[in-house]
Amino acid sequence: MDGNVLAVGAEGSLQGRGSVQMYQYVKIEDKWEMFGQSLIGDPSEAFGTSISLSSDGKLLVVGSNQCVGEGGSGRGGMKAFRYGEELEW
């Protein structure tokens, strides 16, 4: 993907669930196009608070600052995604 990939997190979207969308730059058309499906967090998790993308654009780590887990609510958490041959995360 040669560094032409952008990840955009929106932790306040979808009533606090949060989401992340991925975009790839299409040089021929000189525009950014969304690819793959939108990644959506669990209720009130603020998914997309932080994001980290590998240099090849195929590994994405998304942070949430309001995860509900074993330690209770309001704790941080993360989920990792790999873009596969099926063109899905």
C-alpha atoms as a PDB file:
ATOM      1  CA  MET A   1       0.000   0.000   0.000  1.00  0.00           C
ATOM      2  CA  ASP A   2       3.129   2.158  -0.034  1.00  0.00           C
ATOM      3  CA  GLY A   3       2.182   4.703   2.631  1.00  0.00           C
ATOM      4  CA  ASN A   4      -0.955   5.822   0.815  1.00  0.00           C
ATOM      5  CA  VAL A   5      -3.279   4.593   3.566  1.00  0.00           C
ATOM      6  CA  LEU A   6      -5.044   6.734   6.151  1.00  0.00           C
ATOM      7  CA  ALA A   7      -6.949   5.587   9.250  1.00  0.00           C
ATOM      8  CA  VAL A   8      -9.545   7.965  10.736  1.00  0.00           C
ATOM      9  CA  GLY A   9     -10.940   7.384  14.222  1.00  0.00           C
ATOM     10  CA  ALA A  10     -14.199   8.938  15.417  1.00  0.00           C
ATOM     11  CA  GLU A  11     -14.550   7.967  19.077  1.00  0.00           C
ATOM     12  CA  GLY A  12     -17.743  10.001  19.613  1.00  0.00           C
ATOM     13  CA  SER A  13     -19.664   8.616  16.648  1.00  0.00           C
ATOM     14  CA  LEU A  14     -22.614   6.232  16.811  1.00  0.00           C
ATOM     15  CA  GLN A  15     -23.793   7.321  20.298  1.00  0.00           C
ATOM     16  CA  GLY A  16     -20.348   6.784  21.825  1.00  0.00           C
ATOM     17  CA  ARG A  17     -19.591   3.419  20.263  1.00  0.00           C
ATOM     18  CA  GLY A  18     -16.935   4.979  18.046  1.00  0.00           C
ATOM     19  CA  SER A  19     -15.728   3.903  14.628  1.00  0.00           C
ATOM     20  CA  VAL A  20     -12.681   3.792  12.375  1.00  0.00           C
ATOM     21  CA  GLN A  21     -12.650   4.163   8.606  1.00  0.00           C
ATOM     22  CA  MET A  22      -9.757   3.395   6.302  1.00  0.00           C
ATOM     23  CA  TYR A  23      -8.891   5.350   3.166  1.00  0.00           C
ATOM     24  CA  GLN A  24      -6.448   4.686   0.346  1.00  0.00           C
ATOM     25  CA  TYR A  25      -5.055   7.351  -1.952  1.00  0.00           C
ATOM     26  CA  VAL A  26      -5.828   6.691  -5.608  1.00  0.00           C
ATOM     27  CA  LYS A  27      -3.088   8.536  -7.490  1.00  0.00           C
ATOM     28  CA  ILE A  28      -4.663   8.284 -10.955  1.00  0.00           C
ATOM     29  CA  GLU A  29      -7.841   9.970  -9.693  1.00  0.00           C
ATOM     30  CA  ASP A  30      -6.021  12.201  -7.172  1.00  0.00           C
ATOM     31  CA  LYS A  31      -8.460  11.361  -4.371  1.00  0.00           C
ATOM     32  CA  TRP A  32      -8.875   9.335  -1.191  1.00  0.00           C
ATOM     33  CA  GLU A  33     -11.328   6.417  -1.299  1.00  0.00           C
ATOM     34  CA  MET A  34     -12.667   4.411   1.627  1.00  0.00           C
ATOM     35  CA  PHE A  35     -11.729   0.727   1.565  1.00  0.00           C
ATOM     36  CA  GLY A  36     -12.715  -2.238   3.688  1.00  0.00           C
ATOM     37  CA  GLN A  37     -15.642  -2.104   6.047  1.00  0.00           C
ATOM     38  CA  SER A  38     -16.076   0.471   8.820  1.00  0.00           C
ATOM     39  CA  LEU A  39     -14.873  -0.856  12.152  1.00  0.00           C
ATOM     40  CA  ILE A  40     -17.390  -0.154  14.938  1.00  0.00           C
ATOM     41  CA  GLY A  41     -16.880  -0.364  18.695  1.00  0.00           C
ATOM     42  CA  ASP A  42     -19.069  -1.773  21.426  1.00  0.00           C
ATOM     43  CA  PRO A  43     -21.688   0.435  23.139  1.00  0.00           C
ATOM     44  CA  SER A  44     -20.159   3.411  25.012  1.00  0.00           C
ATOM     45  CA  GLU A  45     -16.583   2.208  24.442  1.00  0.00           C
ATOM     46  CA  ALA A  46     -15.253   5.301  22.572  1.00  0.00           C
ATOM     47  CA  PHE A  47     -13.597   3.040  19.993  1.00  0.00           C
ATOM     48  CA  GLY A  48     -11.137   4.999  17.866  1.00  0.00           C
ATOM     49  CA  THR A  49      -9.765   7.215  20.645  1.00  0.00           C
ATOM     50  CA  SER A  50      -6.291   6.341  19.404  1.00  0.00           C
ATOM     51  CA  ILE A  51      -5.083   4.513  16.307  1.00  0.00           C
ATOM     52  CA  SER A  52      -1.794   3.147  15.051  1.00  0.00           C
ATOM     53  CA  LEU A  53      -1.225   1.917  11.514  1.00  0.00           C
ATOM     54  CA  SER A  54       1.723  -0.121  10.227  1.00  0.00           C
ATOM     55  CA  SER A  55       3.856   1.319   7.449  1.00  0.00           C
ATOM     56  CA  ASP A  56       2.360  -1.064   4.877  1.00  0.00           C
ATOM     57  CA  GLY A  57      -1.204  -0.147   5.955  1.00  0.00           C
ATOM     58  CA  LYS A  58      -2.204  -3.745   6.684  1.00  0.00           C
ATOM     59  CA  LEU A  59      -2.039  -3.837  10.493  1.00  0.00           C
ATOM     60  CA  LEU A  60      -4.205  -1.496  12.548  1.00  0.00           C
ATOM     61  CA  VAL A  61      -4.425  -1.118  16.327  1.00  0.00           C
ATOM     62  CA  VAL A  62      -7.386   0.828  17.705  1.00  0.00           C
ATOM     63  CA  GLY A  63      -7.613   2.124  21.264  1.00  0.00           C
ATOM     64  CA  SER A  64     -10.729   2.697  23.360  1.00  0.00           C
ATOM     65  CA  ASN A  65     -10.733   4.685  26.588  1.00  0.00           C
ATOM     66  CA  GLN A  66     -14.058   3.405  27.914  1.00  0.00           C
ATOM     67  CA  CYS A  67     -13.847  -0.374  27.519  1.00  0.00           C
ATOM     68  CA  VAL A  68     -16.025  -2.609  29.633  1.00  0.00           C
ATOM     69  CA  GLY A  69     -14.060  -5.658  30.672  1.00  0.00           C
ATOM     70  CA  GLU A  70     -12.975  -7.760  33.623  1.00  0.00           C
ATOM     71  CA  GLY A  71     -11.802  -4.703  35.535  1.00  0.00           C
ATOM     72  CA  GLY A  72     -15.124  -2.888  35.112  1.00  0.00           C
ATOM     73  CA  SER A  73     -16.079   0.010  32.911  1.00  0.00           C
ATOM     74  CA  GLY A  74     -14.023   3.055  32.023  1.00  0.00           C
ATOM     75  CA  ARG A  75     -10.754   1.222  31.507  1.00  0.00           C
ATOM     76  CA  GLY A  76      -8.644   1.501  28.400  1.00  0.00           C
ATOM     77  CA  GLY A  77      -8.402  -1.250  25.867  1.00  0.00           C
ATOM     78  CA  MET A  78      -7.229  -2.014  22.353  1.00  0.00           C
ATOM     79  CA  LYS A  79      -8.102  -4.232  19.425  1.00  0.00           C
ATOM     80  CA  ALA A  80      -5.793  -5.275  16.590  1.00  0.00           C
ATOM     81  CA  PHE A  81      -6.907  -5.855  12.993  1.00  0.00           C
ATOM     82  CA  ARG A  82      -5.108  -7.214   9.928  1.00  0.00           C
ATOM     83  CA  TYR A  83      -6.287  -6.463   6.389  1.00  0.00           C
ATOM     84  CA  GLY A  84      -6.509  -9.821   4.628  1.00  0.00           C
ATOM     85  CA  GLU A  85      -6.692 -11.264   1.168  1.00  0.00           C
ATOM     86  CA  GLU A  86     -10.499 -11.305   1.464  1.00  0.00           C
ATOM     87  CA  LEU A  87     -10.261  -7.477   1.493  1.00  0.00           C
ATOM     88  CA  GLU A  88     -11.699  -7.310   5.011  1.00  0.00           C
ATOM     89  CA  TRP A  89     -10.379  -6.352   8.419  1.00  0.00           C
END
